[in-house]
Protein backbone atom coordinates (compact mmCIF):
# COMPACT_ATOMS: atom_id res chain seq x y z
CA MET A 1 95.13 119.25 123.63
CA ASP A 2 94.71 115.29 122.47
CA LEU A 3 96.38 113.66 119.81
CA MET A 4 93.52 114.07 117.69
CA ASP A 5 92.67 117.59 117.76
CA GLN A 6 96.68 118.15 117.35
CA LEU A 7 96.84 116.42 114.18
CA GLU A 8 93.42 118.43 112.95
CA THR A 9 95.68 121.49 113.61
CA LEU A 10 98.44 120.54 111.33
CA LYS A 11 96.71 119.06 108.77
CA ALA A 12 96.91 122.01 106.45
CA ARG A 13 100.55 122.14 107.31
CA ILE A 14 101.20 118.18 106.92
CA VAL A 15 99.39 117.96 103.59
CA GLY A 16 101.59 121.17 102.67
CA LEU A 17 104.70 119.11 102.70
CA CYS A 18 103.81 117.29 99.41
CA ARG A 19 103.56 119.07 95.89
CA CYS A 20 99.90 117.06 95.04
CA PRO A 21 96.96 117.46 97.39
CA HIS A 22 96.46 113.83 97.40
CA ASP A 23 99.54 112.94 98.06
CA GLY A 24 99.48 115.49 101.27
CA ASN A 25 96.16 114.04 102.24
CA ASP A 26 97.86 110.09 101.81
CA LEU A 27 100.76 111.30 104.18
CA PHE A 28 97.97 112.90 106.60
CA GLN A 29 96.76 109.55 106.95
CA ASP A 30 100.01 107.88 107.44
CA VAL A 31 100.63 110.33 109.98
CA TRP A 32 97.24 109.76 111.83
CA ILE A 33 97.85 105.63 111.60
CA ARG A 34 101.29 106.08 113.04
CA CYS A 35 100.36 108.03 116.05
CA SER A 36 97.26 106.46 116.81
CA VAL A 37 98.29 102.77 116.52
CA SER A 38 101.75 103.88 118.72
CA ARG A 39 102.53 100.80 121.19
CA GLU A 40 103.33 103.74 123.99
CA PRO A 41 100.26 105.87 124.75
CA GLN A 42 101.59 107.62 127.33
CA TYR A 43 103.94 109.25 124.86
CA TRP A 44 101.10 110.93 122.93
CA ALA A 45 99.25 112.02 126.40
CA ASN A 46 100.76 115.93 125.47
CA PRO A 47 101.68 115.66 121.81
CA ARG A 48 104.14 118.37 120.57
CA SER A 49 103.39 119.58 117.13
CA GLY A 50 107.06 119.62 116.04
CA LEU A 51 107.13 115.89 117.07
CA ILE A 52 104.01 114.96 114.85
CA MET A 53 105.83 117.48 112.07
CA THR A 54 108.92 115.63 112.21
CA ILE A 55 107.03 112.16 112.17
CA ALA A 56 105.64 113.55 108.71
CA ARG A 57 108.73 115.03 107.34
CA ASN A 58 110.57 111.28 108.13
CA LEU A 59 107.46 109.66 106.24
CA LEU A 60 107.75 111.82 103.36
CA HIS A 61 111.19 111.17 102.96
CA ASP A 62 110.87 107.56 103.21
CA ARG A 63 108.33 107.70 99.92
CA GLN A 64 110.61 109.77 98.45
CA ARG A 65 113.46 107.33 98.83
CA LYS A 66 111.43 104.56 97.82
CA ARG A 67 109.98 106.65 94.68
CA MET A 68 113.39 107.53 93.76
CA SER A 69 114.64 103.70 94.10
CA GLU A 70 112.10 102.54 91.82
CA LEU A 71 112.67 105.37 89.59
CA ARG A 72 116.44 104.16 88.91
CA CYS A 73 115.14 100.57 88.51
CA LEU A 74 112.92 101.52 85.88
CA HIS A 75 115.61 103.46 84.04
CA ARG A 76 118.06 100.80 84.39
CA LEU A 77 115.09 98.98 82.81
CA GLY A 78 114.46 101.63 80.48
CA SER A 79 117.83 101.74 78.81
CA GLU A 80 117.95 97.96 78.77
CA VAL A 81 114.39 97.79 77.17
CA GLY A 82 114.33 100.92 75.16
CA ALA A 83 114.71 104.18 76.18
CA GLY A 84 111.28 105.24 74.78
CA GLN A 85 109.35 102.88 76.63
CA PHE A 86 109.72 105.10 80.29
CA ALA A 87 110.83 107.81 78.61
CA ARG A 88 109.90 111.48 80.59
CA SER A 89 107.90 113.72 79.19
CA CYS A 90 105.72 116.99 80.75
CA GLY A 91 102.62 114.36 81.41
CA ALA A 92 105.35 112.57 83.14
CA ASP A 93 103.26 111.17 86.12
CA ILE A 94 100.72 109.16 83.87
CA GLU A 95 103.79 107.59 82.38
CA GLU A 96 105.65 106.94 85.68
CA ARG A 97 102.31 106.06 87.11
CA GLU A 98 101.51 103.46 84.01
CA SER A 99 105.57 102.58 84.19
CA ARG A 100 105.51 101.31 87.75
CA ARG A 101 102.07 99.09 87.81
CA VAL A 102 103.55 97.51 84.57
CA LEU A 103 107.02 97.03 87.02
CA ARG A 104 104.83 96.00 90.07
CA SER A 105 102.91 93.20 87.45
CA ALA A 106 106.44 92.00 86.12
CA ILE A 107 107.86 91.72 89.86
CA GLY A 108 104.86 90.25 91.10
CA GLN A 109 104.88 87.09 88.38
CA LEU A 110 108.64 86.80 89.47
CA PRO A 111 108.96 83.39 91.17
CA THR A 112 109.10 83.85 95.02
CA HIS A 113 113.14 83.41 95.31
CA TYR A 114 113.59 85.97 92.64
CA ARG A 115 110.73 88.45 93.81
CA THR A 116 112.28 88.33 97.23
CA CYS A 117 115.79 89.62 95.99
CA ILE A 118 114.06 92.44 93.99
CA GLU A 119 111.52 93.51 96.66
CA THR A 120 114.34 93.59 99.50
CA ALA A 121 116.87 95.44 96.93
CA LEU A 122 114.05 97.94 96.05
CA GLU A 123 113.26 98.21 99.51
CA LEU A 124 116.81 98.63 100.91
CA GLY A 125 118.35 100.07 98.48
CA GLY A 126 121.79 99.37 99.51
CA THR A 127 124.58 97.10 98.49
CA SER A 128 124.28 93.94 96.85
CA ASP A 129 126.43 92.48 100.13
CA ALA A 130 124.41 94.19 102.26
CA THR A 131 120.94 93.28 101.12
CA ALA A 132 122.41 89.33 101.22
CA THR A 133 123.45 89.22 104.49
CA PHE A 134 119.93 90.75 105.28
CA LEU A 135 118.01 87.98 103.22
CA GLY A 136 120.89 85.48 104.35
CA ILE A 137 122.01 84.20 100.88
CA ASP A 138 125.46 84.15 99.36
CA PRO A 139 126.45 87.66 97.86
CA ALA A 140 126.80 85.78 94.65
CA THR A 141 123.63 83.91 94.66
CA PHE A 142 122.14 87.26 95.41
CA ARG A 143 123.50 89.02 92.27
CA THR A 144 122.65 86.15 89.84
CA ARG A 145 118.95 85.89 91.09
CA ILE A 146 118.86 89.91 90.57
CA ARG A 147 120.28 89.64 87.05
CA ARG A 148 117.87 86.60 86.11
CA ALA A 149 115.22 88.16 88.25
CA ARG A 150 115.73 91.87 85.72
CA GLY A 151 116.06 89.63 82.24
CA LEU A 152 112.61 87.82 83.30
CA ILE A 153 111.21 91.75 83.68
CA ARG A 154 112.56 93.09 80.88
CA ASP A 155 111.03 89.99 78.59
CA PHE A 156 107.68 90.42 80.68
CA VAL A 157 107.98 94.41 80.08
CA ALA A 158 108.89 93.70 76.25
CA ASN A 159 105.88 91.88 75.95
CA ASN A 160 103.37 93.88 77.11
């Protein structure tokens, strides 16, 4: 059984990992892309379902970690701007998407050096010293840029 046939047989299991079918289909597409653009085609000559499901779970965990990092950032901003603006409710998905859209828009308008620091901090989620080392800047400079970027984001969110 080749890779594409194996993926099709596992589609229901991959989609079932997510609560929402749309997210499950996105996950399936990510797994398909990850497997089909592999740099080692001989590795996929005889694919195993366990390997493909492990890739799917890892991609799902990466998405969940990134989402949690974004939520933590939103909650920090929400407590600074006003908890009512980012309050969670039963219809939290729509509010959360809108909040993330506003946050991404605000981050997109930051100057490049601030935006790089914020995006890297959201992506890596580690300590500020480790992130500063990753970016090749002084940790104090990194913390200052993050603080100033948060201030600019708060101003943007408050004005919109």
